[in-house]
Amino acid sequence: MTKSIAVLGLGKYGTSLAQSMYEMGADVLIADINEDKVKDAAAYSTSAVVADLRNEDEVTKLGLKNMDIAAVCMSGNLSASIMSVAVANEQGVPLIVAKSSSDRMTSILKKIGADKVIIPEEYGGQQSARILASNTFLDYFQVDKTLCMVEMNPLAKWIGKDVRQLNLRKNYGVNVIAVKKEDHWATIEPDHPMRESDKLLIVAEKKNLHKINR
């Protein structure tokens, strides 16, 4: 099912996130107070709005209640970030992600409803998009231009089958290099039956990730 995301704030991170989500097929609403930024990013959006995100009425009018995800990308503007997170929380957005610039800001955003707080130095827009666009991916690490490493949940149709039966390399173009059972990682054995509680660490070419997400 296509995901919908509101990207609030169009700095480098927000623009990268909007573009990556749009390219992966998401419905993307973008909003920023800067009209030029909105125009520049409009090609990577389903809907583009010029709005003062410090203003409660303007944030409310964005219709965030219709979004699966709200990404608040203004770590340099605490008042706009607080207002956007608060309104998204009040409107029942299932997942609220916020960008932060300090431990204090992180604490504030979590207290008012942010589900996940991202530090720009740790996550780029493309990395975040890989995770947010998927119900399966938990974390994403880019190794080089073509290769990536992904932490993920097993697909529902994999449960109960072992690695040999699934033939993941042939069917999905991925290699499972480890499995997390309870609280520790271990090398996965060919006869290991997939469990719903498992976490997998896979290596794959980025072009093959859609085979898992489809």
Protein backbone atom coordinates (compact mmCIF):
# COMPACT_ATOMS: atom_id res chain seq x y z
CA MET A 1 0.00 0.00 0.00
CA THR A 2 1.32 3.48 -0.87
CA LYS A 3 2.45 5.45 2.15
CA SER A 4 1.74 9.13 2.64
CA ILE A 5 4.18 11.49 4.32
CA ALA A 6 4.16 15.17 5.24
CA VAL A 7 7.63 16.69 5.07
CA LEU A 8 7.59 19.89 7.12
CA GLY A 9 10.64 22.06 6.53
CA LEU A 10 12.67 22.01 3.33
CA GLY A 11 16.28 22.32 4.34
CA LYS A 12 18.85 19.92 2.94
CA TYR A 13 17.55 16.99 4.99
CA GLY A 14 13.84 17.64 4.36
CA THR A 15 14.33 18.12 0.62
CA SER A 16 16.38 14.92 0.37
CA LEU A 17 13.76 13.01 2.35
CA ALA A 18 10.88 14.33 0.22
CA GLN A 19 12.66 13.49 -3.02
CA SER A 20 13.63 9.98 -1.89
CA MET A 21 10.14 9.18 -0.59
CA TYR A 22 8.54 10.48 -3.80
CA GLU A 23 10.91 8.42 -5.96
CA MET A 24 9.92 5.32 -3.95
CA GLY A 25 6.26 5.90 -4.73
CA ALA A 26 4.98 7.65 -1.60
CA ASP A 27 2.39 10.41 -1.61
CA VAL A 28 4.38 13.43 -0.40
CA LEU A 29 3.05 16.67 1.08
CA ILE A 30 5.73 19.35 1.49
CA ALA A 31 5.46 22.58 3.45
CA ASP A 32 7.82 25.44 4.27
CA ILE A 33 7.59 29.17 4.93
CA ASN A 34 10.04 29.86 2.09
CA GLU A 35 8.16 30.04 -1.21
CA ASP A 36 11.31 29.49 -3.30
CA LYS A 37 12.13 26.28 -1.45
CA VAL A 38 8.59 25.01 -1.95
CA LYS A 39 8.76 25.77 -5.68
CA ASP A 40 12.15 24.05 -6.02
CA ALA A 41 10.92 20.89 -4.30
CA ALA A 42 7.43 20.82 -5.84
CA ALA A 43 8.52 18.35 -8.52
CA TYR A 44 9.11 15.79 -5.75
CA SER A 45 5.71 16.15 -4.10
CA THR A 46 2.06 15.31 -4.51
CA SER A 47 1.08 18.55 -2.80
CA ALA A 48 3.21 21.63 -2.05
CA VAL A 49 2.17 24.33 0.44
CA VAL A 50 3.75 27.57 1.60
CA ALA A 51 3.01 27.76 5.34
CA ASP A 52 4.37 29.32 8.51
CA LEU A 53 4.92 26.20 10.60
CA ARG A 54 5.11 28.28 13.78
CA ASN A 55 1.43 29.14 13.32
CA GLU A 56 -1.02 26.60 14.74
CA ASP A 57 -3.81 27.46 12.31
CA GLU A 58 -1.57 27.06 9.27
CA VAL A 59 -0.19 23.73 10.47
CA THR A 60 -3.69 22.49 11.27
CA LYS A 61 -4.89 23.37 7.76
CA LEU A 62 -2.29 21.04 6.23
CA GLY A 63 -4.54 18.07 7.07
CA LEU A 64 -1.89 15.96 8.76
CA LYS A 65 -4.57 13.58 10.06
CA ASN A 66 -4.62 12.06 6.57
CA MET A 67 -0.89 11.23 6.64
CA ASP A 68 0.79 7.97 7.62
CA ILE A 69 3.95 9.84 8.60
CA ALA A 70 4.80 13.40 9.61
CA ALA A 71 8.48 14.30 9.26
CA VAL A 72 9.37 17.51 11.07
CA CYS A 73 12.67 18.63 9.55
CA MET A 74 13.43 22.00 11.17
CA SER A 75 16.11 21.41 13.80
CA GLY A 76 17.09 25.09 13.56
CA ASN A 77 13.61 26.32 14.47
CA LEU A 78 12.47 24.95 17.82
CA SER A 79 9.13 26.80 17.89
CA ALA A 80 8.11 25.51 14.44
CA SER A 81 9.23 21.99 15.35
CA ILE A 82 7.26 22.02 18.60
CA MET A 83 4.12 23.33 16.90
CA SER A 84 4.35 20.81 14.04
CA VAL A 85 4.94 17.82 16.33
CA ALA A 86 2.16 18.92 18.70
CA VAL A 87 -0.42 19.34 15.91
CA ALA A 88 0.60 16.05 14.26
CA ASN A 89 0.20 14.32 17.62
CA GLU A 90 -3.21 15.92 18.24
CA GLN A 91 -4.38 14.87 14.78
CA GLY A 92 -3.38 11.26 15.39
CA VAL A 93 -0.60 10.82 12.83
CA PRO A 94 0.58 7.19 13.31
CA LEU A 95 4.32 7.98 13.02
CA ILE A 96 5.91 11.32 13.88
CA VAL A 97 9.59 11.73 13.04
CA ALA A 98 11.47 14.87 14.02
CA LYS A 99 14.92 16.22 13.28
CA SER A 100 16.89 17.51 16.26
CA SER A 101 20.06 19.53 16.82
CA SER A 102 20.66 18.85 20.52
CA ASP A 103 19.91 16.51 23.42
CA ARG A 104 17.64 19.15 24.95
CA MET A 105 15.66 19.51 21.74
CA THR A 106 15.41 15.72 21.43
CA SER A 107 13.98 15.50 24.96
CA ILE A 108 11.40 18.22 24.26
CA LEU A 109 10.24 16.71 20.96
CA LYS A 110 9.83 13.25 22.50
CA LYS A 111 7.81 14.67 25.40
CA ILE A 112 5.30 16.34 23.07
CA GLY A 113 4.77 13.32 20.84
CA ALA A 114 7.65 12.57 18.46
CA ASP A 115 7.96 8.80 18.00
CA LYS A 116 11.46 8.95 16.53
CA VAL A 117 14.03 11.74 16.70
CA ILE A 118 16.76 11.87 14.07
CA ILE A 119 20.15 13.50 14.47
CA PRO A 120 21.24 14.83 11.03
CA GLU A 121 24.82 13.61 11.46
CA GLU A 122 23.54 10.05 11.90
CA TYR A 123 20.87 9.82 9.23
CA GLY A 124 20.65 11.31 5.76
CA GLY A 125 17.39 11.90 3.96
CA GLN A 126 17.90 8.87 1.71
CA GLN A 127 18.61 6.59 4.69
CA SER A 128 15.51 7.80 6.51
CA ALA A 129 13.36 7.32 3.41
CA ARG A 130 14.45 3.70 3.03
CA ILE A 131 13.21 3.01 6.55
CA LEU A 132 10.07 5.14 6.53
CA ALA A 133 8.85 3.85 3.17
CA SER A 134 8.91 0.26 4.38
CA ASN A 135 7.02 -1.71 7.02
CA THR A 136 9.88 -4.19 6.98
CA PHE A 137 13.13 -2.23 7.18
CA LEU A 138 14.33 -1.20 10.64
CA ASP A 139 17.66 0.37 9.76
CA TYR A 140 19.61 1.07 6.59
CA PHE A 141 23.35 1.48 6.02
CA GLN A 142 24.76 2.50 2.66
CA VAL A 143 28.04 0.69 1.96
CA ASP A 144 28.76 2.34 -1.41
CA LYS A 145 26.83 3.67 -4.41
CA THR A 146 25.24 0.30 -5.20
CA LEU A 147 25.51 -1.86 -2.07
CA CYS A 148 23.67 -1.53 1.25
CA MET A 149 23.17 -3.35 4.52
CA VAL A 150 19.67 -3.49 6.01
CA GLU A 151 18.28 -4.57 9.36
CA MET A 152 14.78 -5.91 8.79
CA ASN A 153 11.89 -8.00 10.04
CA PRO A 154 11.25 -11.26 8.18
CA LEU A 155 8.35 -11.04 5.72
CA ALA A 156 5.19 -12.77 6.92
CA LYS A 157 5.44 -15.33 4.11
CA TRP A 158 8.96 -16.27 5.28
CA ILE A 159 7.87 -17.31 8.78
CA GLY A 160 8.39 -21.02 9.46
CA LYS A 161 10.63 -21.55 6.44
CA ASP A 162 14.40 -21.88 6.61
CA VAL A 163 17.02 -20.01 4.57
CA ARG A 164 17.59 -22.96 2.26
CA GLN A 165 13.87 -23.23 1.43
CA LEU A 166 13.49 -19.51 0.85
CA ASN A 167 16.51 -19.29 -1.49
CA LEU A 168 16.69 -15.56 -0.79
CA ARG A 169 19.71 -14.95 -3.01
CA LYS A 170 17.92 -16.28 -6.08
CA ASN A 171 14.42 -14.98 -5.34
CA TYR A 172 15.26 -11.58 -3.89
CA GLY A 173 18.90 -10.89 -4.70
CA VAL A 174 19.83 -10.55 -1.02
CA ASN A 175 22.21 -12.33 1.34
CA VAL A 176 21.30 -12.86 5.00
CA ILE A 177 24.48 -12.53 7.02
CA ALA A 178 23.14 -12.61 10.59
CA VAL A 179 20.02 -13.09 12.70
CA LYS A 180 19.20 -11.42 16.00
CA LYS A 181 17.61 -13.83 18.47
CA GLU A 182 16.38 -12.08 21.61
CA ASP A 183 19.26 -9.71 22.44
CA HIS A 184 22.26 -10.95 20.44
CA TRP A 185 23.34 -11.32 16.80
CA ALA A 186 24.53 -14.66 15.44
CA THR A 187 25.52 -16.14 12.09
CA ILE A 188 22.44 -17.63 10.47
CA GLU A 189 22.42 -21.35 9.66
CA PRO A 190 20.84 -22.69 6.44
CA ASP A 191 18.29 -24.74 8.43
CA HIS A 192 17.27 -21.88 10.74
CA PRO A 193 13.45 -21.52 10.60
CA MET A 194 12.38 -17.88 10.40
CA ARG A 195 10.50 -16.65 13.47
CA GLU A 196 8.35 -13.56 13.74
CA SER A 197 10.56 -12.28 16.56
CA ASP A 198 13.78 -12.56 14.50
CA LYS A 199 15.65 -9.55 13.20
CA LEU A 200 17.70 -10.12 10.03
CA LEU A 201 20.81 -8.36 8.77
CA ILE A 202 21.01 -8.55 4.99
CA VAL A 203 23.38 -7.28 2.32
CA ALA A 204 21.92 -6.37 -1.06
CA GLU A 205 22.29 -4.12 -4.05
CA LYS A 206 19.98 -1.14 -3.65
CA LYS A 207 18.22 -1.99 -6.93
CA ASN A 208 16.98 -5.26 -5.38
CA LEU A 209 15.31 -3.76 -2.28
CA HIS A 210 12.02 -3.27 -4.13
CA LYS A 211 11.73 -7.06 -4.41
CA ILE A 212 11.31 -7.20 -0.64
CA ASN A 213 9.02 -4.16 -0.38
CA ARG A 214 6.59 -5.06 -3.15
